[in-house]
Protein backbone atom coordinates (compact mmCIF):
# COMPACT_ATOMS: atom_id res chain seq x y z
CA MET A 1 -35.86 45.71 -37.88
CA VAL A 2 -37.08 42.79 -39.97
CA ILE A 3 -35.73 39.40 -38.98
CA THR A 4 -35.67 37.00 -41.87
CA SER A 5 -36.72 33.40 -41.41
CA GLN A 6 -33.10 32.36 -41.89
CA LEU A 7 -31.91 34.63 -39.09
CA ARG A 8 -34.84 33.57 -36.94
CA GLY A 9 -33.76 29.97 -37.37
CA TYR A 10 -30.19 30.85 -36.49
CA PHE A 11 -31.20 32.59 -33.26
CA THR A 12 -33.52 29.73 -32.34
CA SER A 13 -30.72 27.20 -32.85
CA ALA A 14 -28.31 29.31 -30.81
CA LEU A 15 -30.79 29.53 -27.95
CA VAL A 16 -31.38 25.79 -28.02
CA CYS A 17 -27.64 25.11 -27.96
CA SER A 18 -27.12 27.56 -25.09
CA ALA A 19 -29.92 25.94 -23.11
CA ALA A 20 -28.43 22.51 -23.71
CA LEU A 21 -25.05 23.67 -22.45
CA ILE A 22 -26.63 25.13 -19.35
CA ALA A 23 -28.64 21.97 -18.73
CA ALA A 24 -25.70 19.63 -19.30
CA PRO A 25 -24.01 18.66 -16.03
CA SER A 26 -20.59 20.21 -15.59
CA ASN A 27 -19.39 16.90 -14.19
CA ALA A 28 -20.53 14.77 -17.10
CA ALA A 29 -17.37 12.67 -16.75
CA ASN A 30 -18.22 11.95 -13.12
CA SER A 31 -19.98 8.79 -14.15
CA VAL A 32 -22.42 6.42 -12.54
CA GLN A 33 -19.46 4.07 -12.13
CA HIS A 34 -17.50 6.68 -10.16
CA GLN A 35 -20.48 7.27 -7.90
CA GLN A 36 -21.17 3.57 -7.36
CA PHE A 37 -17.52 2.94 -6.51
CA PHE A 38 -17.52 5.83 -4.03
CA GLU A 39 -20.76 4.68 -2.40
CA SER A 40 -19.47 1.12 -2.06
CA ILE A 41 -16.68 2.42 0.16
CA VAL A 42 -19.07 4.67 2.10
CA LYS A 43 -20.94 1.51 3.14
CA LEU A 44 -17.78 0.43 5.00
CA CYS A 45 -17.51 3.68 6.96
CA GLY A 46 -16.54 3.26 10.59
CA GLN A 47 -15.01 -0.17 10.07
CA ALA A 48 -11.43 -1.44 9.86
CA PHE A 49 -10.10 -4.46 7.99
CA ALA A 50 -6.88 -6.47 7.99
CA GLY A 51 -4.91 -6.95 4.80
CA LYS A 52 -2.09 -8.99 3.36
CA ILE A 53 0.39 -8.43 0.55
CA THR A 54 -0.56 -10.53 -2.46
CA ALA A 55 1.99 -9.19 -4.97
CA GLY A 56 5.28 -7.31 -4.97
CA GLY A 57 6.28 -7.85 -1.37
CA SER A 58 9.92 -7.95 -0.27
CA GLU A 59 11.79 -8.06 3.04
CA ASP A 60 12.92 -4.44 2.79
CA ASP A 61 9.71 -2.84 1.50
CA GLY A 62 8.59 -1.58 4.90
CA PHE A 63 5.30 -3.49 4.68
CA SER A 64 6.10 -7.20 4.74
CA GLY A 65 5.80 -8.91 8.10
CA LYS A 66 3.72 -6.10 9.62
CA ALA A 67 0.05 -5.82 10.46
CA LEU A 68 -1.74 -4.00 7.63
CA ILE A 69 -5.01 -2.30 8.54
CA MET A 70 -7.27 -0.02 6.52
CA HIS A 71 -9.82 2.06 8.44
CA VAL A 72 -12.67 3.77 6.59
CA ARG A 73 -12.62 6.56 9.16
CA GLU A 74 -14.19 9.71 7.72
CA CYS A 75 -16.95 9.87 5.13
CA ASN A 76 -19.13 12.57 3.64
CA ASP A 77 -20.82 12.97 0.27
CA LYS A 78 -17.67 14.40 -1.34
CA GLN A 79 -14.66 12.90 0.41
CA LEU A 80 -13.42 9.75 2.14
CA LYS A 81 -10.42 9.48 4.44
CA ILE A 82 -9.02 5.99 4.87
CA PRO A 83 -5.94 5.60 7.10
CA PHE A 84 -3.63 2.77 6.06
CA HIS A 85 -1.77 1.54 9.14
CA VAL A 86 1.46 -0.43 8.72
CA GLY A 87 2.40 -1.94 12.06
CA GLU A 88 3.06 0.95 14.45
CA ASN A 89 3.41 3.39 11.56
CA HIS A 90 0.27 5.54 11.39
CA SER A 91 1.58 8.06 8.85
CA ARG A 92 -0.59 7.21 5.83
CA THR A 93 -4.12 8.26 4.92
CA TRP A 94 -5.76 7.72 1.56
CA VAL A 95 -7.99 10.63 0.58
CA ILE A 96 -10.60 9.95 -2.11
CA THR A 97 -12.45 13.02 -3.37
CA GLN A 98 -15.27 13.44 -5.87
CA THR A 99 -14.37 16.04 -8.50
CA ASP A 100 -16.06 17.54 -11.55
CA THR A 101 -14.33 14.97 -13.74
CA GLY A 102 -14.43 11.81 -11.62
CA LEU A 103 -12.47 10.78 -8.55
CA GLN A 104 -9.15 11.86 -7.12
CA LEU A 105 -6.83 9.83 -4.90
CA LYS A 106 -4.24 11.51 -2.71
CA HIS A 107 -1.85 10.08 -0.12
CA ASP A 108 -1.64 12.22 3.02
CA HIS A 109 1.66 11.44 4.75
CA ARG A 110 2.43 12.82 8.21
CA HIS A 111 5.15 12.58 10.82
CA LYS A 112 4.42 11.39 14.34
CA ASP A 113 4.08 15.00 15.52
CA GLY A 114 1.37 15.56 12.90
CA SER A 115 3.48 17.67 10.57
CA GLU A 116 3.40 16.93 6.85
CA ASP A 117 6.05 14.76 5.27
CA LYS A 118 7.95 16.42 2.43
CA VAL A 119 6.44 13.77 0.16
CA THR A 120 2.71 14.07 0.76
CA MET A 121 -0.63 14.64 -0.97
CA TYR A 122 0.58 12.82 -4.04
CA GLY A 123 -1.65 10.78 -6.29
CA GLY A 124 -3.81 11.36 -9.33
CA ASP A 125 -7.24 11.58 -10.91
CA THR A 126 -9.31 9.07 -12.84
CA ARG A 127 -9.06 9.50 -16.62
CA ASP A 128 -11.93 7.23 -17.60
CA VAL A 129 -15.20 6.04 -16.11
CA GLY A 130 -13.69 2.87 -14.69
CA THR A 131 -16.21 0.44 -13.23
CA ALA A 132 -18.38 0.27 -10.14
CA ASN A 133 -15.77 -2.09 -8.70
CA MET A 134 -12.46 -0.67 -9.92
CA GLN A 135 -10.89 2.76 -10.41
CA SER A 136 -7.40 3.72 -11.58
CA PHE A 137 -5.49 6.89 -10.67
CA PRO A 138 -2.48 7.72 -12.90
CA VAL A 139 0.08 10.03 -11.29
CA ASP A 140 -0.65 13.75 -11.76
CA ASP A 141 1.78 16.52 -12.72
CA GLU A 142 1.93 17.98 -9.21
CA SER A 143 3.00 14.62 -7.80
CA ILE A 144 5.64 14.15 -10.51
CA VAL A 145 7.21 17.47 -9.53
CA ASN A 146 7.20 16.46 -5.86
CA PHE A 147 8.73 13.07 -6.61
CA LYS A 148 11.52 14.59 -8.70
CA GLN A 149 12.27 17.20 -6.05
CA ASN A 150 12.74 14.42 -3.51
CA GLY A 151 14.77 12.00 -5.60
CA LEU A 152 11.93 9.60 -6.33
CA ASP A 153 12.24 9.51 -10.11
CA GLN A 154 11.13 5.87 -10.14
CA SER A 155 7.67 7.02 -9.01
CA VAL A 156 6.89 9.42 -11.87
CA THR A 157 4.96 6.75 -13.79
CA ASN A 158 2.95 5.48 -10.81
CA VAL A 159 -0.58 4.26 -11.34
CA TRP A 160 -2.67 3.49 -8.28
CA GLN A 161 -5.67 1.23 -8.48
CA MET A 162 -8.42 0.43 -6.01
CA MET A 163 -10.86 -2.42 -6.37
CA ILE A 164 -13.81 -3.32 -4.15
CA GLU A 165 -15.64 -6.62 -4.39
CA ALA A 166 -18.05 -8.52 -2.16
CA HIS A 167 -15.34 -9.87 0.11
CA THR A 168 -12.17 -7.90 -0.60
CA PHE A 169 -10.79 -4.40 -1.05
CA THR A 170 -7.57 -4.18 -3.07
CA TYR A 171 -4.99 -1.40 -3.13
CA ARG A 172 -2.46 -1.65 -5.96
CA LEU A 173 0.54 0.41 -7.03
CA SER A 174 2.07 -0.33 -10.41
CA ARG A 175 4.88 1.12 -12.51
CA GLU A 176 7.79 -0.26 -14.51
CA ASN A 177 9.47 -3.05 -12.51
CA ARG A 178 6.99 -2.64 -9.65
CA ASP A 179 3.61 -4.22 -8.99
CA PHE A 180 2.58 -4.01 -5.34
CA LYS A 181 -0.79 -5.21 -4.12
CA VAL A 182 -2.53 -5.48 -0.75
CA GLU A 183 -5.88 -7.23 -0.33
CA PHE A 184 -8.10 -6.54 2.68
CA ASP A 185 -10.65 -9.05 3.97
CA LEU A 186 -14.02 -7.29 4.20
CA THR A 187 -15.76 -10.27 5.78
CA LYS A 188 -14.02 -9.84 9.15
CA PRO A 189 -13.91 -6.31 10.59
CA VAL A 190 -11.13 -5.87 13.14
CA ALA A 191 -10.62 -3.66 16.18
CA LEU A 192 -10.26 0.00 15.26
CA PRO A 193 -6.65 1.23 15.13
CA PRO A 194 -5.51 4.50 16.73
CA ALA A 195 -6.02 7.79 14.93
CA PRO A 196 -3.57 8.40 12.11
CA TRP A 197 -0.84 10.92 12.81
CA GLY A 198 -2.05 14.45 12.26
CA HIS A 199 -5.73 13.47 12.33
CA GLU A 200 -6.29 12.96 16.04
């Protein structure tokens, strides 16, 4: 069979395109910024830090007036587990995972006996590259379903944000009529809290 120069050019172009697709990383959206943010938290692994509410606090929010401690407890090259202790309540663990498209934040909520709360593993994924210091996690569809099933319709527009700077780590939850923020002092590590419920 004779292959014309036109066809030869077509096949060559197709092969080049195929090779480019194979060579291109499948996690192209998992940016340098995502990686730098993740690694900044890894550097804190094994340490705990005290925090304070800097926005959105109220007497009945379950957080105000209580000791707030974050503990960067478990770290590997794909996932971080950061318990967030509120007084004697050890039910909360933030789970940050590297994905093919960026970073994912989930909230692992447990009861004292270690069993899962009916509202657990909610959160979202990054939708842009963010920065080395700040990442945002808009609520995902799975979490919206869970919130609605449990009468938490006010949470279906949640956006969580984490920011790490030289001296502070900030956790923020925002939605309509709600802007809650806790800042942790990274300059003064504190005594390690007990294991979070369900992760002993």
